[in-house]
N, C-alpha and C. Protein backbone atom coordinates (compact mmCIF):
# COMPACT_ATOMS: atom_id res chain seq x y z
N UNK A 1 0.85 -1.01 0.04
CA UNK A 1 0.12 0.23 -0.03
C UNK A 1 1.31 1.25 -0.14
N UNK A 2 0.28 2.43 -0.87
CA UNK A 2 1.07 3.50 -0.71
C UNK A 2 0.44 4.68 0.00
N UNK A 3 0.93 5.45 0.78
CA UNK A 3 0.47 6.38 1.75
C UNK A 3 1.06 7.71 1.43
N UNK A 4 0.22 8.48 0.91
CA UNK A 4 1.00 10.12 0.87
C UNK A 4 1.06 10.91 2.31
N UNK A 5 2.26 11.75 2.30
CA UNK A 5 2.12 12.28 4.08
C UNK A 5 2.79 13.63 3.57
N UNK A 6 2.51 14.01 4.98
CA UNK A 6 3.04 15.79 4.87
C UNK A 6 2.73 16.19 3.88
N UNK A 7 1.38 16.42 3.19
CA UNK A 7 0.66 17.28 2.09
C UNK A 7 -0.53 17.37 1.95
N UNK A 8 -1.10 17.89 1.58
CA UNK A 8 -2.58 17.46 1.33
C UNK A 8 -2.94 16.45 0.43
N UNK A 9 -3.65 15.48 0.70
CA UNK A 9 -4.30 14.49 0.12
C UNK A 9 -5.07 14.69 -1.05
N UNK A 10 -6.41 15.02 -0.33
CA UNK A 10 -7.42 16.08 -1.23
C UNK A 10 -7.81 16.70 -0.64
N UNK A 11 -8.69 17.64 -1.78
CA UNK A 11 -9.70 18.71 -1.10
C UNK A 11 -10.98 18.22 -1.60
N UNK A 12 -12.00 18.64 -0.76
CA UNK A 12 -13.34 18.41 -0.30
C UNK A 12 -14.07 19.73 -0.45
N UNK A 13 -15.17 19.75 -1.67
CA UNK A 13 -15.78 20.90 -1.59
C UNK A 13 -17.76 20.57 -0.97
N UNK A 14 -18.51 21.51 -0.39
CA UNK A 14 -19.53 20.96 0.01
C UNK A 14 -20.70 21.62 -1.24
N UNK A 15 -21.66 20.90 -0.78
CA UNK A 15 -22.45 21.18 -1.96
C UNK A 15 -24.13 20.71 -1.08
N UNK A 16 -24.94 21.51 -2.18
CA UNK A 16 -26.45 21.04 -1.84
C UNK A 16 -27.01 20.08 -2.37
N UNK A 17 -27.50 18.98 -2.24
CA UNK A 17 -27.66 17.37 -2.54
C UNK A 17 -28.13 17.95 -3.92
N UNK A 18 -29.20 19.05 -4.15
CA UNK A 18 -29.85 19.37 -5.11
C UNK A 18 -28.93 19.87 -6.47
N UNK A 19 -27.43 20.41 -6.26
CA UNK A 19 -26.57 20.84 -6.90
C UNK A 19 -25.29 20.30 -7.17
N UNK A 20 -25.68 19.10 -6.29
CA UNK A 20 -24.56 18.52 -6.55
C UNK A 20 -23.49 17.82 -8.02
N UNK A 21 -24.90 17.13 -8.70
CA UNK A 21 -24.57 16.54 -10.37
C UNK A 21 -23.51 17.61 -11.05
N UNK A 22 -23.97 18.82 -10.64
CA UNK A 22 -23.67 20.08 -11.79
C UNK A 22 -22.41 20.55 -10.99
N UNK A 23 -22.16 20.54 -9.59
CA UNK A 23 -21.17 21.10 -9.47
C UNK A 23 -19.85 19.56 -9.42
N UNK A 24 -20.44 18.90 -9.66
CA UNK A 24 -19.50 17.35 -10.10
C UNK A 24 -18.97 17.47 -11.34
N UNK A 25 -19.83 17.44 -12.23
CA UNK A 25 -19.97 17.69 -13.89
C UNK A 25 -19.15 19.02 -13.97
N UNK A 26 -18.86 19.94 -13.34
CA UNK A 26 -18.60 21.22 -13.48
C UNK A 26 -16.80 20.72 -12.94
N UNK A 27 -16.40 20.26 -11.84
CA UNK A 27 -15.20 20.05 -11.54
C UNK A 27 -14.50 19.07 -12.56
N UNK A 28 -15.21 17.85 -12.80
CA UNK A 28 -14.68 17.10 -13.91
C UNK A 28 -14.44 17.37 -15.43
N UNK A 29 -15.15 18.60 -15.82
CA UNK A 29 -14.97 19.35 -16.86
C UNK A 29 -13.66 20.12 -16.89
N UNK A 30 -13.01 20.29 -15.92
CA UNK A 30 -12.20 21.43 -15.70
C UNK A 30 -11.02 20.38 -15.13
N UNK A 31 -10.95 19.48 -14.91
CA UNK A 31 -10.20 19.02 -14.26
C UNK A 31 -9.73 17.54 -14.69
N UNK A 32 -10.46 17.47 -16.00
CA UNK A 32 -10.70 15.63 -16.29
C UNK A 32 -10.89 14.56 -15.49
N UNK A 33 -11.29 14.52 -14.03
CA UNK A 33 -11.32 13.56 -13.33
C UNK A 33 -12.74 12.92 -13.23
N UNK A 34 -12.79 11.42 -12.74
CA UNK A 34 -14.04 10.77 -12.68
C UNK A 34 -15.05 10.86 -11.42
N UNK A 35 -15.30 11.36 -10.94
CA UNK A 35 -15.85 11.34 -9.34
C UNK A 35 -17.03 10.59 -9.09
N UNK A 36 -16.73 9.77 -8.70
CA UNK A 36 -17.79 8.49 -8.47
C UNK A 36 -18.61 8.67 -7.14
N UNK A 37 -19.79 8.47 -7.42
CA UNK A 37 -20.84 8.70 -6.38
C UNK A 37 -21.12 7.32 -5.39
N UNK A 38 -21.11 7.78 -4.12
CA UNK A 38 -21.07 6.99 -3.09
C UNK A 38 -22.03 7.12 -2.35
N UNK A 39 -23.12 6.42 -2.37
CA UNK A 39 -24.28 7.05 -1.07
C UNK A 39 -24.23 6.76 0.04
N UNK A 40 -24.43 7.22 1.46
CA UNK A 40 -23.89 6.21 2.40
C UNK A 40 -25.18 6.93 3.34
N UNK A 41 -25.58 5.78 3.37
CA UNK A 41 -27.33 6.14 3.97
C UNK A 41 -27.12 6.23 5.61
N UNK A 42 -25.90 5.39 6.30
CA UNK A 42 -25.26 5.41 7.93
C UNK A 42 -25.07 6.58 7.90
N UNK A 43 -24.10 7.79 7.04
CA UNK A 43 -23.90 9.24 7.24
C UNK A 43 -24.80 10.03 7.00
N UNK A 44 -26.22 9.61 5.95
CA UNK A 44 -26.92 10.47 5.22
C UNK A 44 -26.00 11.44 4.84
N UNK A 45 -25.57 11.10 3.99
CA UNK A 45 -24.69 11.69 3.19
C UNK A 45 -24.14 11.25 1.94
N UNK A 46 -24.09 11.64 0.82
CA UNK A 46 -23.64 11.30 -0.62
C UNK A 46 -22.26 12.11 -0.59
N UNK A 47 -21.11 11.40 -1.51
CA UNK A 47 -20.25 11.68 -1.92
C UNK A 47 -19.53 11.18 -3.11
N UNK A 48 -19.01 12.37 -3.69
CA UNK A 48 -18.34 11.89 -4.96
C UNK A 48 -16.97 12.16 -5.04
N UNK A 49 -16.40 11.22 -5.03
CA UNK A 49 -14.80 11.29 -5.16
C UNK A 49 -14.11 10.40 -6.15
N UNK A 50 -12.76 11.28 -6.48
CA UNK A 50 -11.97 10.91 -7.33
C UNK A 50 -10.46 11.14 -7.01
N UNK A 51 -9.88 9.45 -6.01
CA UNK A 51 -9.21 8.83 -5.16
C UNK A 51 -7.84 9.50 -5.83
N UNK A 52 -8.07 8.91 -6.89
CA UNK A 52 -6.60 9.71 -7.82
C UNK A 52 -6.29 11.03 -8.06
N UNK A 53 -7.58 11.85 -8.56
CA UNK A 53 -7.02 13.13 -8.91
C UNK A 53 -7.08 14.13 -7.37
N UNK A 54 -7.68 13.73 -6.04
CA UNK A 54 -8.04 14.22 -4.79
C UNK A 54 -8.99 15.12 -4.46
N UNK A 55 -10.09 14.58 -5.45
CA UNK A 55 -11.25 15.49 -5.15
C UNK A 55 -12.16 14.92 -4.93
N UNK A 56 -13.07 15.28 -4.15
CA UNK A 56 -14.46 14.52 -2.89
C UNK A 56 -15.35 16.09 -3.26
N UNK A 57 -16.37 15.53 -3.58
CA UNK A 57 -17.82 16.41 -3.15
C UNK A 57 -18.61 16.23 -2.16
N UNK A 58 -19.11 16.44 -0.96
CA UNK A 58 -19.67 16.10 0.04
C UNK A 58 -21.15 17.16 -0.19
N UNK A 59 -21.96 15.89 -0.25
CA UNK A 59 -24.04 16.80 -0.19
C UNK A 59 -24.15 16.00 1.05
N UNK A 60 -24.84 16.37 2.09
CA UNK A 60 -25.57 16.06 2.99
C UNK A 60 -26.93 15.38 2.57
N UNK A 61 -27.48 14.48 3.16
CA UNK A 61 -28.89 14.34 2.38
C UNK A 61 -30.12 15.26 3.46
N UNK A 62 -31.50 15.30 3.09
CA UNK A 62 -32.27 16.25 3.93
C UNK A 62 -32.49 15.44 5.19
N UNK A 63 -32.26 14.78 5.55
CA UNK A 63 -32.46 14.07 7.07
C UNK A 63 -31.35 14.46 7.68
N UNK A 64 -31.37 15.22 9.08
CA UNK A 64 -30.21 15.62 9.65
C UNK A 64 -29.74 14.81 10.88
N UNK A 65 -29.02 13.77 11.01
CA UNK A 65 -28.63 13.20 12.07
C UNK A 65 -27.11 13.75 12.76
N UNK A 66 -26.81 13.26 13.95
CA UNK A 66 -25.51 13.62 13.94
C UNK A 66 -24.06 13.81 13.21
N UNK A 67 -24.09 12.69 12.43
CA UNK A 67 -22.75 12.63 11.61
C UNK A 67 -22.95 13.73 10.55
N UNK A 68 -23.98 14.29 10.13
CA UNK A 68 -24.18 15.26 8.77
C UNK A 68 -24.68 16.74 9.18
N UNK A 69 -25.23 16.62 10.83
CA UNK A 69 -25.44 17.97 11.26
C UNK A 69 -24.37 19.35 10.70
N UNK A 70 -23.13 18.70 10.99
CA UNK A 70 -22.36 20.35 10.58
C UNK A 70 -21.94 20.37 9.37
N UNK A 71 -22.63 19.37 8.44
CA UNK A 71 -22.68 19.73 6.80
C UNK A 71 -23.83 20.50 6.80
N UNK A 72 -24.93 20.61 7.41
CA UNK A 72 -25.93 20.87 6.95
C UNK A 72 -25.66 22.71 7.80
N UNK A 73 -25.31 22.60 8.83
CA UNK A 73 -24.99 24.06 9.66
C UNK A 73 -23.80 24.78 8.99
N UNK A 74 -23.09 24.09 7.90
CA UNK A 74 -21.98 25.04 7.12
C UNK A 74 -22.56 25.13 6.19
N UNK A 75 -23.73 24.30 5.29
CA UNK A 75 -24.36 25.11 4.25
C UNK A 75 -25.09 26.50 4.53
N UNK A 76 -25.86 26.18 5.84
CA UNK A 76 -26.75 27.21 6.07
C UNK A 76 -25.67 28.76 6.42
N UNK A 77 -24.62 28.61 7.59
CA UNK A 77 -23.47 29.92 7.69
C UNK A 77 -22.73 29.72 5.93
N UNK A 78 -22.09 29.21 5.54
CA UNK A 78 -21.27 29.24 4.29
C UNK A 78 -21.59 29.40 3.20
N UNK A 79 -23.14 28.55 2.88
CA UNK A 79 -23.25 28.30 1.36
C UNK A 79 -22.41 27.29 1.07
N UNK A 80 -22.45 26.54 -0.44
CA UNK A 80 -21.94 26.20 -1.14
C UNK A 80 -20.02 26.18 -1.06
N UNK A 81 -19.22 25.47 -1.25
CA UNK A 81 -17.62 26.21 -1.78
C UNK A 81 -16.81 24.88 -1.09
N UNK A 82 -15.33 25.53 -0.95
CA UNK A 82 -14.50 24.66 -0.39
C UNK A 82 -14.51 24.36 1.12
N UNK A 83 -14.62 23.46 0.96
CA UNK A 83 -14.89 22.90 2.56
C UNK A 83 -13.73 22.68 3.80
N UNK A 84 -12.72 21.66 2.67
CA UNK A 84 -11.93 21.06 3.88
C UNK A 84 -10.47 20.87 3.06
N UNK A 85 -9.57 20.82 3.51
CA UNK A 85 -8.46 20.46 3.30
C UNK A 85 -7.98 19.21 3.84
N UNK A 86 -7.96 17.92 3.13
CA UNK A 86 -7.73 16.57 3.95
C UNK A 86 -5.90 16.77 4.05
N UNK A 87 -5.17 16.79 5.05
CA UNK A 87 -3.85 16.76 5.32
C UNK A 87 -3.44 15.29 5.56
N UNK A 88 -2.43 14.76 5.01
CA UNK A 88 -2.15 13.04 5.34
C UNK A 88 -0.87 12.96 6.33
N UNK A 89 -1.20 12.55 7.29
CA UNK A 89 0.15 12.55 8.14
C UNK A 89 0.29 10.79 8.39
N UNK A 90 1.69 10.48 8.54
CA UNK A 90 1.87 9.06 8.73
C UNK A 90 1.46 8.27 9.52
N UNK A 91 1.33 8.74 10.73
CA UNK A 91 0.39 8.35 11.87
C UNK A 91 -0.03 9.03 12.94
N UNK A 92 -1.84 9.16 12.78
CA UNK A 92 -2.54 9.86 13.19
C UNK A 92 -2.54 10.33 14.28
N UNK A 93 -2.58 8.75 15.13
CA UNK A 93 -2.32 9.07 16.82
C UNK A 93 -1.27 9.94 17.43
N UNK A 94 0.15 9.53 16.67
CA UNK A 94 1.07 10.16 17.36
C UNK A 94 1.15 11.89 16.66
N UNK A 95 0.49 11.99 15.68
CA UNK A 95 0.34 13.58 14.96
C UNK A 95 -0.86 13.96 16.05
N UNK A 96 -1.47 13.45 16.23
CA UNK A 96 -2.72 13.99 17.25
C UNK A 96 -2.03 14.31 18.92
N UNK A 97 -0.90 13.41 19.15
CA UNK A 97 -0.48 13.59 20.47
C UNK A 97 0.54 14.94 20.60
N UNK A 98 1.00 14.80 19.56
CA UNK A 98 1.86 16.26 18.70
C UNK A 98 0.83 17.27 19.35
N UNK A 99 -0.02 17.31 18.81
CA UNK A 99 -0.87 18.36 18.47
C UNK A 99 -1.59 18.63 19.68
N UNK A 100 -1.71 17.92 20.70
CA UNK A 100 -2.75 18.32 21.75
C UNK A 100 -1.52 18.53 22.87
N UNK A 101 0.10 18.35 22.68
CA UNK A 101 1.36 18.71 23.28
C UNK A 101 1.09 20.35 23.33
N UNK A 102 0.87 20.79 22.22
CA UNK A 102 0.75 22.08 21.81
C UNK A 102 -0.71 22.56 22.16
N UNK A 103 -1.74 22.44 22.58
CA UNK A 103 -2.77 22.36 22.82
C UNK A 103 -3.78 22.96 21.77
N UNK A 104 -3.46 22.16 20.96
CA UNK A 104 -4.28 22.13 19.92
C UNK A 104 -5.47 21.04 19.76
N UNK A 105 -6.39 21.23 19.85
CA UNK A 105 -7.19 20.45 19.85
C UNK A 105 -7.74 19.83 18.63
N UNK A 106 -7.68 18.24 19.01
CA UNK A 106 -8.03 17.40 17.42
C UNK A 106 -9.27 16.21 17.79
N UNK A 107 -10.25 16.56 16.84
CA UNK A 107 -11.43 16.17 17.20
C UNK A 107 -11.40 14.33 17.05
N UNK A 108 -12.34 13.49 17.36
CA UNK A 108 -12.68 12.08 17.41
C UNK A 108 -12.39 11.66 16.33
N UNK A 109 -12.14 10.31 16.38
CA UNK A 109 -11.46 9.38 15.31
C UNK A 109 -12.56 8.87 14.46
N UNK A 110 -12.20 9.58 13.26
CA UNK A 110 -13.30 8.67 11.95
C UNK A 110 -12.66 7.55 11.12
N UNK A 111 -13.30 6.64 11.28
CA UNK A 111 -12.74 5.40 10.16
C UNK A 111 -14.16 4.61 9.62
N UNK A 112 -13.30 3.61 8.82
CA UNK A 112 -13.97 3.29 7.56
C UNK A 112 -14.89 1.89 8.14
N UNK A 113 -16.07 1.56 8.08
CA UNK A 113 -16.67 0.54 8.63
C UNK A 113 -16.01 -1.02 7.41
N UNK A 114 -15.86 -1.53 7.84
CA UNK A 114 -15.88 -3.03 7.05
C UNK A 114 -16.64 -2.80 5.75
N UNK A 115 -18.24 -2.18 5.92
CA UNK A 115 -18.73 -2.03 4.38
C UNK A 115 -18.54 -1.24 3.60
N UNK A 116 -17.84 -0.12 4.03
CA UNK A 116 -17.19 1.20 3.52
C UNK A 116 -17.53 0.59 2.04
N UNK A 117 -17.64 1.16 1.03
CA UNK A 117 -17.81 1.06 -0.62
C UNK A 117 -16.37 0.99 -1.02
N UNK A 118 -15.44 1.13 -0.38
CA UNK A 118 -14.05 1.93 -0.83
C UNK A 118 -13.25 0.78 -0.09
N UNK A 119 -13.50 -0.02 0.67
CA UNK A 119 -12.63 -0.31 1.65
C UNK A 119 -11.85 -1.60 1.16
N UNK A 120 -11.89 -1.91 -0.17
CA UNK A 120 -11.03 -2.61 -0.78
C UNK A 120 -9.65 -1.83 -1.52
N UNK A 121 -10.18 -0.78 -2.00
CA UNK A 121 -9.22 0.22 -2.41
C UNK A 121 -8.37 0.83 -1.45
N UNK A 122 -8.95 1.47 -0.18
CA UNK A 122 -8.06 2.37 0.48
C UNK A 122 -8.96 2.21 1.74
N UNK A 123 -7.72 2.09 2.97
CA UNK A 123 -8.15 2.20 4.38
C UNK A 123 -8.13 3.91 5.12
N UNK A 124 -9.26 4.17 5.30
CA UNK A 124 -9.25 5.48 5.73
C UNK A 124 -9.64 6.01 7.37
N UNK A 125 -8.62 6.67 8.09
CA UNK A 125 -8.54 7.35 8.94
C UNK A 125 -8.78 8.66 9.09
N UNK A 126 -9.46 9.16 10.05
CA UNK A 126 -9.75 10.71 9.67
C UNK A 126 -9.62 11.66 11.49
N UNK A 127 -9.81 12.49 11.45
CA UNK A 127 -9.64 13.67 12.58
C UNK A 127 -9.82 14.93 12.08
N UNK A 128 -10.77 15.90 12.51
CA UNK A 128 -10.97 17.14 12.20
C UNK A 128 -9.47 17.71 13.14
N UNK A 129 -9.07 18.83 12.72
CA UNK A 129 -8.23 19.88 13.52
C UNK A 129 -9.28 20.83 13.17
N UNK A 130 -8.53 22.08 14.12
CA UNK A 130 -9.14 23.36 13.63
C UNK A 130 -9.15 24.27 12.57
N UNK A 131 -10.33 24.63 12.01
CA UNK A 131 -9.88 25.74 10.60
C UNK A 131 -9.21 26.38 10.56
N UNK A 132 -8.57 26.85 9.33
CA UNK A 132 -7.26 27.68 8.50
C UNK A 132 -8.02 28.35 8.13
N UNK A 133 -8.07 29.70 8.00
CA UNK A 133 -8.53 30.62 7.05
C UNK A 133 -9.87 30.25 6.68
N UNK A 134 -10.75 29.97 7.82
CA UNK A 134 -12.22 29.97 7.42
C UNK A 134 -12.58 28.65 6.57
N UNK A 135 -11.75 27.82 6.39
CA UNK A 135 -12.03 26.32 5.70
C UNK A 135 -11.82 24.76 6.97
N UNK A 136 -12.26 23.81 6.93
CA UNK A 136 -11.86 22.84 7.60
C UNK A 136 -10.68 22.35 7.64
N UNK A 137 -9.90 21.77 8.47
CA UNK A 137 -8.60 21.19 8.21
C UNK A 137 -8.92 19.54 8.63
N UNK A 138 -8.46 18.77 8.10
CA UNK A 138 -9.07 17.47 8.49
C UNK A 138 -7.70 16.51 8.12
N UNK A 139 -7.18 15.63 9.69
CA UNK A 139 -5.50 15.26 9.29
C UNK A 139 -5.99 13.53 8.95
N UNK A 140 -5.45 13.28 7.88
CA UNK A 140 -5.74 11.51 7.90
C UNK A 140 -4.61 10.77 7.36
N UNK A 141 -4.93 9.63 7.75
CA UNK A 141 -3.91 8.17 7.51
C UNK A 141 -4.61 7.59 6.82
N UNK A 142 -4.31 7.63 5.76
CA UNK A 142 -4.74 6.65 4.31
C UNK A 142 -4.47 6.39 4.08
N UNK A 143 -3.78 4.95 3.67
CA UNK A 143 -3.37 3.91 2.91
C UNK A 143 -4.04 3.04 1.56
N UNK A 144 -3.22 3.83 0.23
CA UNK A 144 -4.20 3.08 -0.81
C UNK A 144 -3.14 1.76 -1.60
N UNK A 145 -4.10 1.24 -2.37
CA UNK A 145 -3.75 -0.07 -2.52
C UNK A 145 -2.83 0.95 -3.96
N UNK A 146 -1.60 -0.38 -4.32
CA UNK A 146 -1.16 0.50 -5.75
C UNK A 146 -1.57 0.91 -6.78
N UNK A 147 -3.43 -0.03 -6.70
CA UNK A 147 -3.68 0.57 -8.28
C UNK A 147 -4.39 1.96 -8.26
N UNK A 148 -4.69 2.51 -7.26
CA UNK A 148 -5.62 3.71 -6.93
C UNK A 148 -5.14 5.08 -7.50
N UNK A 149 -3.91 5.04 -6.98
CA UNK A 149 -3.18 6.49 -7.38
C UNK A 149 -2.13 6.16 -8.99
N UNK A 150 -2.39 7.07 -9.87
CA UNK A 150 -1.66 6.77 -11.07
C UNK A 150 -0.40 7.94 -10.53
N UNK A 151 0.78 7.13 -11.09
CA UNK A 151 2.29 7.96 -10.49
C UNK A 151 2.99 7.73 -12.13
N UNK A 152 3.79 8.45 -12.55
CA UNK A 152 4.26 8.32 -13.89
C UNK A 152 5.59 8.78 -13.35
N UNK A 153 6.87 8.78 -14.37
CA UNK A 153 7.85 9.19 -13.96
C UNK A 153 8.27 9.98 -15.11
N UNK A 154 8.76 10.74 -14.43
CA UNK A 154 9.17 12.45 -15.38
C UNK A 154 10.53 12.70 -15.68
N UNK A 155 10.62 12.88 -16.96
CA UNK A 155 11.83 12.65 -17.35
C UNK A 155 12.14 14.12 -17.23
N UNK A 156 13.62 14.93 -16.45
CA UNK A 156 14.15 15.82 -16.22
C UNK A 156 14.62 16.40 -17.48
N UNK A 157 14.23 17.74 -17.86
CA UNK A 157 14.51 18.56 -19.44
C UNK A 157 15.76 18.85 -19.20
N UNK A 158 16.85 18.40 -20.12
CA UNK A 158 17.95 19.16 -20.12
C UNK A 158 18.23 19.91 -20.68
N UNK A 159 18.80 20.98 -20.22
CA UNK A 159 18.84 22.54 -21.18
C UNK A 159 19.87 22.16 -22.10
């Protein structure tokens, strides 16, 4: 498995459910990405994700539950837009301990259940960190199967 560490793993946009398909289509047209739709009834949230491109659009379903309440509140207060930068760390628990030693609060662990739709391709563990410049920061420890993210060799240009 491969893992990005110490840099942004992916970015997340927040969308109203009724606008999500158009927002995804716009993002795909600009980036050439292919965001796959995942309906998570357990979270009352629809996710559109392209792990390879590092792009995610999240849209809460109309029913408000504990998990999606913050998304509904964010839509009310800020509307649609860039929601979060997901920053990859090597060891989520060690990183949490370092931050808490500095007095920086880190939220509870969010990790996939065995029935997560992408569990065969990635293993995901995340925690919220404090906002930065009005956007959420999410700390992540994501282990990718080797075929999830495409890497290419780049030849140096010789002058």
